[in-house]
Amino acid sequence: MDAFKSMNINEGETLQYQELYPYLQERYPHYKDVQKEAEQHLSKAGFVNPAPDGLMLTQVGAANLYKNS
């Protein structure tokens, strides 16, 4: 979720995989499948929906992410 916030992704917008992967690799280099695991976890929580080119932030995800901003 920090990737969405740091890249200023809003509800209904998509975080492109080409932007997400380097972000995750930089912060979690010891996890082999960090992108896959993050996508599964966030989808299950209802925070994102998979899109053809990335992950789309849902209304639930945006509310959770920006509630303290």
PDB file of N, CA and C in Angstrom:
ATOM      1  N   MET A   1       0.824  -1.181   0.000  1.00  0.00           N
ATOM      2  CA  MET A   1       0.000   0.000   0.000  1.00  0.00           C
ATOM      3  C   MET A   1       0.876   1.256   0.000  1.00  0.00           C
ATOM      4  N   ASP A   2       2.064   1.135   0.575  1.00  0.00           N
ATOM      5  CA  ASP A   2       2.968   2.287   0.571  1.00  0.00           C
ATOM      6  C   ASP A   2       3.330   2.714  -0.850  1.00  0.00           C
ATOM      7  N   ALA A   3       3.406   1.757  -1.764  1.00  0.00           N
ATOM      8  CA  ALA A   3       3.720   2.089  -3.159  1.00  0.00           C
ATOM      9  C   ALA A   3       2.633   2.977  -3.751  1.00  0.00           C
ATOM     10  N   PHE A   4       1.367   2.658  -3.461  1.00  0.00           N
ATOM     11  CA  PHE A   4       0.264   3.482  -3.963  1.00  0.00           C
ATOM     12  C   PHE A   4       0.358   4.898  -3.409  1.00  0.00           C
ATOM     13  N   LYS A   5       0.660   4.991  -2.118  1.00  0.00           N
ATOM     14  CA  LYS A   5       0.734   6.305  -1.472  1.00  0.00           C
ATOM     15  C   LYS A   5       1.930   7.111  -1.988  1.00  0.00           C
ATOM     16  N   SER A   6       3.080   6.478  -2.087  1.00  0.00           N
ATOM     17  CA  SER A   6       4.272   7.207  -2.515  1.00  0.00           C
ATOM     18  C   SER A   6       4.181   7.664  -3.969  1.00  0.00           C
ATOM     19  N   MET A   7       3.405   6.941  -4.777  1.00  0.00           N
ATOM     20  CA  MET A   7       3.252   7.311  -6.185  1.00  0.00           C
ATOM     21  C   MET A   7       1.958   8.080  -6.429  1.00  0.00           C
ATOM     22  N   ASN A   8       1.279   8.434  -5.323  1.00  0.00           N
ATOM     23  CA  ASN A   8       0.075   9.262  -5.368  1.00  0.00           C
ATOM     24  C   ASN A   8      -1.012   8.669  -6.279  1.00  0.00           C
ATOM     25  N   ILE A   9      -1.266   7.370  -6.106  1.00  0.00           N
ATOM     26  CA  ILE A   9      -2.298   6.676  -6.859  1.00  0.00           C
ATOM     27  C   ILE A   9      -3.622   6.844  -6.114  1.00  0.00           C
ATOM     28  N   ASN A  10      -4.650   7.273  -6.795  1.00  0.00           N
ATOM     29  CA  ASN A  10      -5.963   7.501  -6.193  1.00  0.00           C
ATOM     30  C   ASN A  10      -6.934   6.391  -6.574  1.00  0.00           C
ATOM     31  N   GLU A  11      -8.082   6.397  -5.919  1.00  0.00           N
ATOM     32  CA  GLU A  11      -9.125   5.414  -6.182  1.00  0.00           C
ATOM     33  C   GLU A  11      -9.438   5.326  -7.672  1.00  0.00           C
ATOM     34  N   GLY A  12      -9.484   4.108  -8.179  1.00  0.00           N
ATOM     35  CA  GLY A  12      -9.801   3.872  -9.581  1.00  0.00           C
ATOM     36  C   GLY A  12      -8.605   3.985 -10.511  1.00  0.00           C
ATOM     37  N   GLU A  13      -7.472   4.426 -10.003  1.00  0.00           N
ATOM     38  CA  GLU A  13      -6.265   4.525 -10.824  1.00  0.00           C
ATOM     39  C   GLU A  13      -5.457   3.237 -10.688  1.00  0.00           C
ATOM     40  N   THR A  14      -4.627   2.971 -11.671  1.00  0.00           N
ATOM     41  CA  THR A  14      -3.836   1.742 -11.702  1.00  0.00           C
ATOM     42  C   THR A  14      -2.362   2.044 -11.476  1.00  0.00           C
ATOM     43  N   LEU A  15      -1.773   1.285 -10.584  1.00  0.00           N
ATOM     44  CA  LEU A  15      -0.329   1.310 -10.382  1.00  0.00           C
ATOM     45  C   LEU A  15       0.245   0.284 -11.339  1.00  0.00           C
ATOM     46  N   GLN A  16       1.010   0.744 -12.296  1.00  0.00           N
ATOM     47  CA  GLN A  16       1.559  -0.114 -13.340  1.00  0.00           C
ATOM     48  C   GLN A  16       2.565  -1.107 -12.748  1.00  0.00           C
ATOM     49  N   TYR A  17       2.525  -2.338 -13.265  1.00  0.00           N
ATOM     50  CA  TYR A  17       3.479  -3.351 -12.805  1.00  0.00           C
ATOM     51  C   TYR A  17       4.915  -2.883 -13.004  1.00  0.00           C
ATOM     52  N   GLN A  18       5.186  -2.171 -14.081  1.00  0.00           N
ATOM     53  CA  GLN A  18       6.562  -1.714 -14.348  1.00  0.00           C
ATOM     54  C   GLN A  18       7.043  -0.712 -13.307  1.00  0.00           C
ATOM     55  N   GLU A  19       6.131  -0.054 -12.597  1.00  0.00           N
ATOM     56  CA  GLU A  19       6.493   0.844 -11.504  1.00  0.00           C
ATOM     57  C   GLU A  19       6.495   0.113 -10.166  1.00  0.00           C
ATOM     58  N   LEU A  20       5.594  -0.843 -10.020  1.00  0.00           N
ATOM     59  CA  LEU A  20       5.463  -1.571  -8.763  1.00  0.00           C
ATOM     60  C   LEU A  20       6.636  -2.511  -8.513  1.00  0.00           C
ATOM     61  N   TYR A  21       7.048  -3.254  -9.514  1.00  0.00           N
ATOM     62  CA  TYR A  21       8.087  -4.254  -9.316  1.00  0.00           C
ATOM     63  C   TYR A  21       9.397  -3.657  -8.782  1.00  0.00           C
ATOM     64  N   PRO A  22       9.930  -2.592  -9.379  1.00  0.00           N
ATOM     65  CA  PRO A  22      11.166  -2.021  -8.822  1.00  0.00           C
ATOM     66  C   PRO A  22      10.987  -1.509  -7.387  1.00  0.00           C
ATOM     67  N   TYR A  23       9.821  -0.964  -7.095  1.00  0.00           N
ATOM     68  CA  TYR A  23       9.532  -0.476  -5.743  1.00  0.00           C
ATOM     69  C   TYR A  23       9.616  -1.628  -4.741  1.00  0.00           C
ATOM     70  N   LEU A  24       8.975  -2.745  -5.064  1.00  0.00           N
ATOM     71  CA  LEU A  24       8.990  -3.893  -4.166  1.00  0.00           C
ATOM     72  C   LEU A  24      10.375  -4.519  -4.061  1.00  0.00           C
ATOM     73  N   GLN A  25      11.067  -4.626  -5.169  1.00  0.00           N
ATOM     74  CA  GLN A  25      12.413  -5.218  -5.157  1.00  0.00           C
ATOM     75  C   GLN A  25      13.372  -4.393  -4.300  1.00  0.00           C
ATOM     76  N   GLU A  26      13.221  -3.095  -4.345  1.00  0.00           N
ATOM     77  CA  GLU A  26      14.099  -2.219  -3.568  1.00  0.00           C
ATOM     78  C   GLU A  26      13.852  -2.378  -2.069  1.00  0.00           C
ATOM     79  N   ARG A  27      12.601  -2.522  -1.685  1.00  0.00           N
ATOM     80  CA  ARG A  27      12.252  -2.583  -0.267  1.00  0.00           C
ATOM     81  C   ARG A  27      12.236  -3.994   0.313  1.00  0.00           C
ATOM     82  N   TYR A  28      12.015  -4.984  -0.531  1.00  0.00           N
ATOM     83  CA  TYR A  28      11.912  -6.376  -0.065  1.00  0.00           C
ATOM     84  C   TYR A  28      12.749  -7.305  -0.941  1.00  0.00           C
ATOM     85  N   PRO A  29      14.054  -7.069  -1.043  1.00  0.00           N
ATOM     86  CA  PRO A  29      14.889  -7.847  -1.969  1.00  0.00           C
ATOM     87  C   PRO A  29      15.018  -9.318  -1.591  1.00  0.00           C
ATOM     88  N   HIS A  30      14.775  -9.675  -0.349  1.00  0.00           N
ATOM     89  CA  HIS A  30      14.937 -11.058   0.081  1.00  0.00           C
ATOM     90  C   HIS A  30      13.707 -11.914  -0.189  1.00  0.00           C
ATOM     91  N   TYR A  31      12.604 -11.325  -0.655  1.00  0.00           N
ATOM     92  CA  TYR A  31      11.400 -12.091  -0.988  1.00  0.00           C
ATOM     93  C   TYR A  31      11.353 -12.353  -2.483  1.00  0.00           C
ATOM     94  N   LYS A  32      11.317 -13.620  -2.854  1.00  0.00           N
ATOM     95  CA  LYS A  32      11.362 -13.992  -4.265  1.00  0.00           C
ATOM     96  C   LYS A  32      10.096 -13.589  -5.014  1.00  0.00           C
ATOM     97  N   ASP A  33       8.931 -13.892  -4.453  1.00  0.00           N
ATOM     98  CA  ASP A  33       7.663 -13.640  -5.130  1.00  0.00           C
ATOM     99  C   ASP A  33       6.877 -12.531  -4.449  1.00  0.00           C
ATOM    100  N   VAL A  34       7.552 -11.464  -4.055  1.00  0.00           N
ATOM    101  CA  VAL A  34       6.904 -10.406  -3.287  1.00  0.00           C
ATOM    102  C   VAL A  34       5.747  -9.766  -4.055  1.00  0.00           C
ATOM    103  N   GLN A  35       5.886  -9.574  -5.349  1.00  0.00           N
ATOM    104  CA  GLN A  35       4.815  -8.938  -6.121  1.00  0.00           C
ATOM    105  C   GLN A  35       3.576  -9.828  -6.144  1.00  0.00           C
ATOM    106  N   LYS A  36       3.763 -11.107  -6.387  1.00  0.00           N
ATOM    107  CA  LYS A  36       2.644 -12.052  -6.431  1.00  0.00           C
ATOM    108  C   LYS A  36       1.953 -12.121  -5.070  1.00  0.00           C
ATOM    109  N   GLU A  37       2.734 -12.223  -4.007  1.00  0.00           N
ATOM    110  CA  GLU A  37       2.166 -12.304  -2.669  1.00  0.00           C
ATOM    111  C   GLU A  37       1.438 -11.018  -2.291  1.00  0.00           C
ATOM    112  N   ALA A  38       2.005  -9.875  -2.635  1.00  0.00           N
ATOM    113  CA  ALA A  38       1.367  -8.594  -2.338  1.00  0.00           C
ATOM    114  C   ALA A  38       0.043  -8.485  -3.091  1.00  0.00           C
ATOM    115  N   GLU A  39       0.038  -8.873  -4.349  1.00  0.00           N
ATOM    116  CA  GLU A  39      -1.178  -8.804  -5.155  1.00  0.00           C
ATOM    117  C   GLU A  39      -2.270  -9.694  -4.571  1.00  0.00           C
ATOM    118  N   GLN A  40      -1.917 -10.911  -4.170  1.00  0.00           N
ATOM    119  CA  GLN A  40      -2.901 -11.827  -3.596  1.00  0.00           C
ATOM    120  C   GLN A  40      -3.450 -11.287  -2.279  1.00  0.00           C
ATOM    121  N   HIS A  41      -2.571 -10.797  -1.431  1.00  0.00           N
ATOM    122  CA  HIS A  41      -2.984 -10.273  -0.128  1.00  0.00           C
ATOM    123  C   HIS A  41      -3.896  -9.052  -0.285  1.00  0.00           C
ATOM    124  N   LEU A  42      -3.497  -8.105  -1.121  1.00  0.00           N
ATOM    125  CA  LEU A  42      -4.279  -6.879  -1.295  1.00  0.00           C
ATOM    126  C   LEU A  42      -5.602  -7.135  -2.004  1.00  0.00           C
ATOM    127  N   SER A  43      -5.622  -8.084  -2.922  1.00  0.00           N
ATOM    128  CA  SER A  43      -6.872  -8.443  -3.611  1.00  0.00           C
ATOM    129  C   SER A  43      -7.846  -9.097  -2.637  1.00  0.00           C
ATOM    130  N   LYS A  44      -7.333  -9.994  -1.822  1.00  0.00           N
ATOM    131  CA  LYS A  44      -8.171 -10.690  -0.841  1.00  0.00           C
ATOM    132  C   LYS A  44      -8.769  -9.702   0.157  1.00  0.00           C
ATOM    133  N   ALA A  45      -8.017  -8.676   0.523  1.00  0.00           N
ATOM    134  CA  ALA A  45      -8.498  -7.659   1.460  1.00  0.00           C
ATOM    135  C   ALA A  45      -9.446  -6.676   0.793  1.00  0.00           C
ATOM    136  N   GLY A  46      -9.528  -6.718  -0.541  1.00  0.00           N
ATOM    137  CA  GLY A  46     -10.414  -5.806  -1.264  1.00  0.00           C
ATOM    138  C   GLY A  46      -9.811  -4.446  -1.527  1.00  0.00           C
ATOM    139  N   PHE A  47      -8.504  -4.305  -1.336  1.00  0.00           N
ATOM    140  CA  PHE A  47      -7.838  -3.017  -1.515  1.00  0.00           C
ATOM    141  C   PHE A  47      -7.505  -2.729  -2.969  1.00  0.00           C
ATOM    142  N   VAL A  48      -7.306  -3.781  -3.755  1.00  0.00           N
ATOM    143  CA  VAL A  48      -6.963  -3.613  -5.170  1.00  0.00           C
ATOM    144  C   VAL A  48      -7.726  -4.624  -6.010  1.00  0.00           C
ATOM    145  N   ASN A  49      -7.830  -4.312  -7.286  1.00  0.00           N
ATOM    146  CA  ASN A  49      -8.333  -5.247  -8.283  1.00  0.00           C
ATOM    147  C   ASN A  49      -7.249  -5.403  -9.330  1.00  0.00           C
ATOM    148  N   PRO A  50      -6.943  -6.637  -9.716  1.00  0.00           N
ATOM    149  CA  PRO A  50      -5.957  -6.821 -10.783  1.00  0.00           C
ATOM    150  C   PRO A  50      -6.452  -6.191 -12.081  1.00  0.00           C
ATOM    151  N   ALA A  51      -5.554  -5.550 -12.772  1.00  0.00           N
ATOM    152  CA  ALA A  51      -5.826  -4.956 -14.079  1.00  0.00           C
ATOM    153  C   ALA A  51      -4.809  -5.545 -15.051  1.00  0.00           C
ATOM    154  N   PRO A  52      -5.057  -5.454 -16.342  1.00  0.00           N
ATOM    155  CA  PRO A  52      -4.121  -6.040 -17.304  1.00  0.00           C
ATOM    156  C   PRO A  52      -2.686  -5.518 -17.169  1.00  0.00           C
ATOM    157  N   ASP A  53      -2.542  -4.265 -16.778  1.00  0.00           N
ATOM    158  CA  ASP A  53      -1.212  -3.657 -16.731  1.00  0.00           C
ATOM    159  C   ASP A  53      -0.743  -3.299 -15.330  1.00  0.00           C
ATOM    160  N   GLY A  54      -1.516  -3.693 -14.303  1.00  0.00           N
ATOM    161  CA  GLY A  54      -1.111  -3.370 -12.946  1.00  0.00           C
ATOM    162  C   GLY A  54      -2.197  -3.671 -11.938  1.00  0.00           C
ATOM    163  N   LEU A  55      -2.196  -2.916 -10.851  1.00  0.00           N
ATOM    164  CA  LEU A  55      -3.180  -3.086  -9.791  1.00  0.00           C
ATOM    165  C   LEU A  55      -3.978  -1.798  -9.637  1.00  0.00           C
ATOM    166  N   MET A  56      -5.303  -1.909  -9.704  1.00  0.00           N
ATOM    167  CA  MET A  56      -6.168  -0.743  -9.568  1.00  0.00           C
ATOM    168  C   MET A  56      -6.583  -0.599  -8.106  1.00  0.00           C
ATOM    169  N   LEU A  57      -6.425   0.584  -7.568  1.00  0.00           N
ATOM    170  CA  LEU A  57      -6.799   0.874  -6.190  1.00  0.00           C
ATOM    171  C   LEU A  57      -8.318   0.993  -6.093  1.00  0.00           C
ATOM    172  N   THR A  58      -8.927   0.231  -5.200  1.00  0.00           N
ATOM    173  CA  THR A  58     -10.377   0.257  -5.032  1.00  0.00           C
ATOM    174  C   THR A  58     -10.786   1.363  -4.057  1.00  0.00           C
ATOM    175  N   GLN A  59     -12.085   1.555  -3.937  1.00  0.00           N
ATOM    176  CA  GLN A  59     -12.619   2.537  -2.987  1.00  0.00           C
ATOM    177  C   GLN A  59     -12.222   2.142  -1.559  1.00  0.00           C
ATOM    178  N   VAL A  60     -12.313   0.858  -1.249  1.00  0.00           N
ATOM    179  CA  VAL A  60     -11.934   0.355   0.071  1.00  0.00           C
ATOM    180  C   VAL A  60     -10.442   0.599   0.326  1.00  0.00           C
ATOM    181  N   GLY A  61      -9.626   0.314  -0.682  1.00  0.00           N
ATOM    182  CA  GLY A  61      -8.187   0.521  -0.544  1.00  0.00           C
ATOM    183  C   GLY A  61      -7.832   1.986  -0.351  1.00  0.00           C
ATOM    184  N   ALA A  62      -8.474   2.857  -1.120  1.00  0.00           N
ATOM    185  CA  ALA A  62      -8.204   4.292  -1.014  1.00  0.00           C
ATOM    186  C   ALA A  62      -8.632   4.808   0.356  1.00  0.00           C
ATOM    187  N   ALA A  63      -9.788   4.373   0.833  1.00  0.00           N
ATOM    188  CA  ALA A  63     -10.265   4.803   2.145  1.00  0.00           C
ATOM    189  C   ALA A  63      -9.297   4.370   3.237  1.00  0.00           C
ATOM    190  N   ASN A  64      -8.809   3.142   3.141  1.00  0.00           N
ATOM    191  CA  ASN A  64      -7.857   2.629   4.116  1.00  0.00           C
ATOM    192  C   ASN A  64      -6.519   3.349   4.039  1.00  0.00           C
ATOM    193  N   LEU A  65      -6.077   3.617   2.841  1.00  0.00           N
ATOM    194  CA  LEU A  65      -4.770   4.224   2.624  1.00  0.00           C
ATOM    195  C   LEU A  65      -4.714   5.677   3.037  1.00  0.00           C
ATOM    196  N   TYR A  66      -5.751   6.441   2.707  1.00  0.00           N
ATOM    197  CA  TYR A  66      -5.720   7.881   2.916  1.00  0.00           C
ATOM    198  C   TYR A  66      -6.541   8.366   4.100  1.00  0.00           C
ATOM    199  N   LYS A  67      -7.038   7.468   4.945  1.00  0.00           N
ATOM    200  CA  LYS A  67      -7.891   7.873   6.060  1.00  0.00           C
ATOM    201  C   LYS A  67      -7.172   8.733   7.090  1.00  0.00           C
ATOM    202  N   ASN A  68      -5.855   8.566   7.203  1.00  0.00           N
ATOM    203  CA  ASN A  68      -5.095   9.337   8.180  1.00  0.00           C
ATOM    204  C   ASN A  68      -4.334  10.493   7.561  1.00  0.00           C
ATOM    205  N   SER A  69      -4.601  10.750   6.302  1.00  0.00           N
ATOM    206  CA  SER A  69      -3.865  11.830   5.614  1.00  0.00           C
ATOM    207  C   SER A  69      -4.551  13.168   5.815  1.00  0.00           C
TER     208      SER A  69
END
